């Protein structure tokens, strides 16, 4: 007779946990927040930006690194303009407002990319 009573007690405990979970009370089941990167790197290689498009959070610093043997620039209208970057040189910019920001290499205008800031 004690076994069925124990099964009812265990089932009641599990039912209680299920009700608490369904109630949405975060204090019972804490969740870890996913950290968003505050810095990302875009490679300049083989006359292209990689990745060509990236989505970041507001406040993220994006760094472009030139891995080609020829100079490249990173230009986005009047927002930012790098100097000519030689091999292994870099340029960084912090995106503080949301929006979509296209950029290109002024030396090789066919090289284009985009940063989407949320």
C-alpha atoms as a PDB file:
ATOM      1  CA  UNK A   1       0.000   0.000   0.000  1.00  0.00           C
ATOM      2  CA  UNK A   2       2.907   2.391   0.556  1.00  0.00           C
ATOM      3  CA  UNK A   3       4.102   2.162  -3.058  1.00  0.00           C
ATOM      4  CA  UNK A   4       0.935   3.664  -4.642  1.00  0.00           C
ATOM      5  CA  UNK A   5       0.950   6.466  -2.061  1.00  0.00           C
ATOM      6  CA  UNK A   6       4.594   7.233  -2.883  1.00  0.00           C
ATOM      7  CA  UNK A   7       3.822   7.299  -6.623  1.00  0.00           C
ATOM      8  CA  UNK A   8       1.005   9.778  -6.006  1.00  0.00           C
ATOM      9  CA  UNK A   9       3.345  11.979  -3.936  1.00  0.00           C
ATOM     10  CA  UNK A  10       6.096  11.931  -6.572  1.00  0.00           C
ATOM     11  CA  UNK A  11       3.549  12.638  -9.293  1.00  0.00           C
ATOM     12  CA  UNK A  12       2.181  15.580  -7.311  1.00  0.00           C
ATOM     13  CA  UNK A  13       5.685  17.056  -6.957  1.00  0.00           C
ATOM     14  CA  UNK A  14       6.305  16.772 -10.700  1.00  0.00           C
ATOM     15  CA  UNK A  15       2.888  18.274 -11.402  1.00  0.00           C
ATOM     16  CA  UNK A  16       3.789  21.203  -9.132  1.00  0.00           C
ATOM     17  CA  UNK A  17       7.011  21.811 -11.057  1.00  0.00           C
ATOM     18  CA  UNK A  18       5.105  21.662 -14.347  1.00  0.00           C
ATOM     19  CA  UNK A  19       2.597  24.238 -13.109  1.00  0.00           C
ATOM     20  CA  UNK A  20       5.392  26.554 -11.954  1.00  0.00           C
ATOM     21  CA  UNK A  21       7.137  26.226 -15.304  1.00  0.00           C
ATOM     22  CA  UNK A  22       3.940  26.977 -17.190  1.00  0.00           C
ATOM     23  CA  UNK A  23       3.225  30.011 -15.028  1.00  0.00           C
ATOM     24  CA  UNK A  24       6.247  31.767 -16.547  1.00  0.00           C
ATOM     25  CA  UNK A  25       7.841  32.651 -13.230  1.00  0.00           C
ATOM     26  CA  UNK A  26      11.460  33.139 -14.221  1.00  0.00           C
ATOM     27  CA  UNK A  27      12.621  33.121 -10.608  1.00  0.00           C
ATOM     28  CA  UNK A  28      11.988  29.355 -10.398  1.00  0.00           C
ATOM     29  CA  UNK A  29      13.889  28.539 -13.546  1.00  0.00           C
ATOM     30  CA  UNK A  30      16.576  31.131 -14.212  1.00  0.00           C
ATOM     31  CA  UNK A  31      17.773  31.392 -17.777  1.00  0.00           C
ATOM     32  CA  UNK A  32      21.137  32.564 -18.989  1.00  0.00           C
ATOM     33  CA  UNK A  33      21.119  35.519 -21.322  1.00  0.00           C
ATOM     34  CA  UNK A  34      22.919  34.976 -24.586  1.00  0.00           C
ATOM     35  CA  UNK A  35      25.736  37.476 -24.826  1.00  0.00           C
ATOM     36  CA  UNK A  36      25.973  39.338 -28.089  1.00  0.00           C
ATOM     37  CA  UNK A  37      29.471  39.955 -29.357  1.00  0.00           C
ATOM     38  CA  UNK A  38      30.645  43.542 -28.971  1.00  0.00           C
ATOM     39  CA  UNK A  39      33.351  43.166 -31.607  1.00  0.00           C
ATOM     40  CA  UNK A  40      33.398  41.373 -34.951  1.00  0.00           C
ATOM     41  CA  UNK A  41      35.966  41.076 -37.721  1.00  0.00           C
ATOM     42  CA  UNK A  42      35.468  41.250 -41.479  1.00  0.00           C
ATOM     43  CA  UNK A  43      38.271  39.861 -43.623  1.00  0.00           C
ATOM     44  CA  UNK A  44      39.409  41.571 -46.786  1.00  0.00           C
ATOM     45  CA  UNK A  45      40.723  38.735 -48.905  1.00  0.00           C
ATOM     46  CA  UNK A  46      40.860  37.915 -52.599  1.00  0.00           C
ATOM     47  CA  UNK A  47      39.362  41.331 -53.483  1.00  0.00           C
ATOM     48  CA  UNK A  48      36.240  40.770 -51.380  1.00  0.00           C
ATOM     49  CA  UNK A  49      34.808  41.382 -47.915  1.00  0.00           C
ATOM     50  CA  UNK A  50      34.014  38.264 -45.896  1.00  0.00           C
ATOM     51  CA  UNK A  51      31.374  38.031 -44.731  1.00  0.00           C
ATOM     52  CA  UNK A  52      29.833  40.323 -47.311  1.00  0.00           C
ATOM     53  CA  UNK A  53      26.887  41.135 -45.032  1.00  0.00           C
ATOM     54  CA  UNK A  54      26.788  40.974 -41.250  1.00  0.00           C
ATOM     55  CA  UNK A  55      24.108  41.714 -38.654  1.00  0.00           C
ATOM     56  CA  UNK A  56      25.278  43.120 -35.319  1.00  0.00           C
ATOM     57  CA  UNK A  57      23.825  44.702 -32.200  1.00  0.00           C
ATOM     58  CA  UNK A  58      23.957  48.455 -31.632  1.00  0.00           C
ATOM     59  CA  UNK A  59      27.273  49.346 -29.975  1.00  0.00           C
ATOM     60  CA  UNK A  60      29.285  46.666 -31.788  1.00  0.00           C
ATOM     61  CA  UNK A  61      32.739  47.536 -33.097  1.00  0.00           C
ATOM     62  CA  UNK A  62      33.459  46.113 -36.542  1.00  0.00           C
ATOM     63  CA  UNK A  63      37.077  45.666 -37.598  1.00  0.00           C
ATOM     64  CA  UNK A  64      38.130  45.130 -41.207  1.00  0.00           C
ATOM     65  CA  UNK A  65      41.497  43.397 -41.716  1.00  0.00           C
ATOM     66  CA  UNK A  66      43.232  43.410 -45.105  1.00  0.00           C
ATOM     67  CA  UNK A  67      44.744  40.030 -45.958  1.00  0.00           C
ATOM     68  CA  UNK A  68      45.367  40.890 -49.624  1.00  0.00           C
ATOM     69  CA  UNK A  69      48.748  41.870 -51.046  1.00  0.00           C
ATOM     70  CA  UNK A  70      47.319  45.144 -52.358  1.00  0.00           C
ATOM     71  CA  UNK A  71      45.887  48.142 -50.466  1.00  0.00           C
ATOM     72  CA  UNK A  72      42.162  48.480 -49.838  1.00  0.00           C
ATOM     73  CA  UNK A  73      39.926  51.039 -48.135  1.00  0.00           C
ATOM     74  CA  UNK A  74      36.630  50.800 -46.275  1.00  0.00           C
ATOM     75  CA  UNK A  75      34.234  53.683 -46.997  1.00  0.00           C
ATOM     76  CA  UNK A  76      30.621  54.266 -46.007  1.00  0.00           C
ATOM     77  CA  UNK A  77      29.489  57.630 -47.364  1.00  0.00           C
ATOM     78  CA  UNK A  78      30.187  60.341 -44.806  1.00  0.00           C
ATOM     79  CA  UNK A  79      29.934  57.872 -41.891  1.00  0.00           C
ATOM     80  CA  UNK A  80      33.489  56.541 -42.045  1.00  0.00           C
ATOM     81  CA  UNK A  81      36.501  56.349 -44.346  1.00  0.00           C
ATOM     82  CA  UNK A  82      39.632  54.315 -43.659  1.00  0.00           C
ATOM     83  CA  UNK A  83      43.079  55.129 -44.917  1.00  0.00           C
ATOM     84  CA  UNK A  84      44.528  52.743 -47.514  1.00  0.00           C
ATOM     85  CA  UNK A  85      45.093  49.517 -45.601  1.00  0.00           C
ATOM     86  CA  UNK A  86      48.203  47.569 -46.520  1.00  0.00           C
ATOM     87  CA  UNK A  87      48.549  43.824 -45.888  1.00  0.00           C
ATOM     88  CA  UNK A  88      47.513  42.882 -42.322  1.00  0.00           C
ATOM     89  CA  UNK A  89      46.489  46.447 -41.432  1.00  0.00           C
ATOM     90  CA  UNK A  90      43.046  47.044 -39.953  1.00  0.00           C
ATOM     91  CA  UNK A  91      40.353  49.674 -39.532  1.00  0.00           C
ATOM     92  CA  UNK A  92      37.643  49.705 -36.847  1.00  0.00           C
ATOM     93  CA  UNK A  93      34.343  51.517 -36.459  1.00  0.00           C
ATOM     94  CA  UNK A  94      31.777  51.365 -33.620  1.00  0.00           C
ATOM     95  CA  UNK A  95      28.160  51.309 -34.826  1.00  0.00           C
ATOM     96  CA  UNK A  96      26.123  53.287 -32.288  1.00  0.00           C
ATOM     97  CA  UNK A  97      22.829  53.583 -34.161  1.00  0.00           C
ATOM     98  CA  UNK A  98      20.526  51.072 -35.797  1.00  0.00           C
ATOM     99  CA  UNK A  99      20.231  50.871 -39.560  1.00  0.00           C
ATOM    100  CA  UNK A 100      21.709  49.336 -42.679  1.00  0.00           C
ATOM    101  CA  UNK A 101      25.108  50.651 -43.694  1.00  0.00           C
ATOM    102  CA  UNK A 102      26.600  49.819 -47.064  1.00  0.00           C
ATOM    103  CA  UNK A 103      30.335  50.204 -47.589  1.00  0.00           C
ATOM    104  CA  UNK A 104      32.876  49.707 -50.378  1.00  0.00           C
ATOM    105  CA  UNK A 105      36.564  49.891 -51.244  1.00  0.00           C
ATOM    106  CA  UNK A 106      37.299  53.221 -52.931  1.00  0.00           C
ATOM    107  CA  UNK A 107      40.310  51.693 -54.709  1.00  0.00           C
ATOM    108  CA  UNK A 108      38.218  48.794 -56.055  1.00  0.00           C
ATOM    109  CA  UNK A 109      34.562  49.990 -56.119  1.00  0.00           C
ATOM    110  CA  UNK A 110      33.256  46.545 -57.109  1.00  0.00           C
ATOM    111  CA  UNK A 111      34.134  45.412 -53.570  1.00  0.00           C
ATOM    112  CA  UNK A 112      30.992  46.065 -51.514  1.00  0.00           C
ATOM    113  CA  UNK A 113      29.555  44.949 -48.205  1.00  0.00           C
ATOM    114  CA  UNK A 114      26.833  45.767 -45.723  1.00  0.00           C
ATOM    115  CA  UNK A 115      26.492  46.020 -41.935  1.00  0.00           C
ATOM    116  CA  UNK A 116      22.975  45.713 -40.508  1.00  0.00           C
ATOM    117  CA  UNK A 117      22.760  47.145 -36.991  1.00  0.00           C
ATOM    118  CA  UNK A 118      19.788  46.168 -34.814  1.00  0.00           C
END
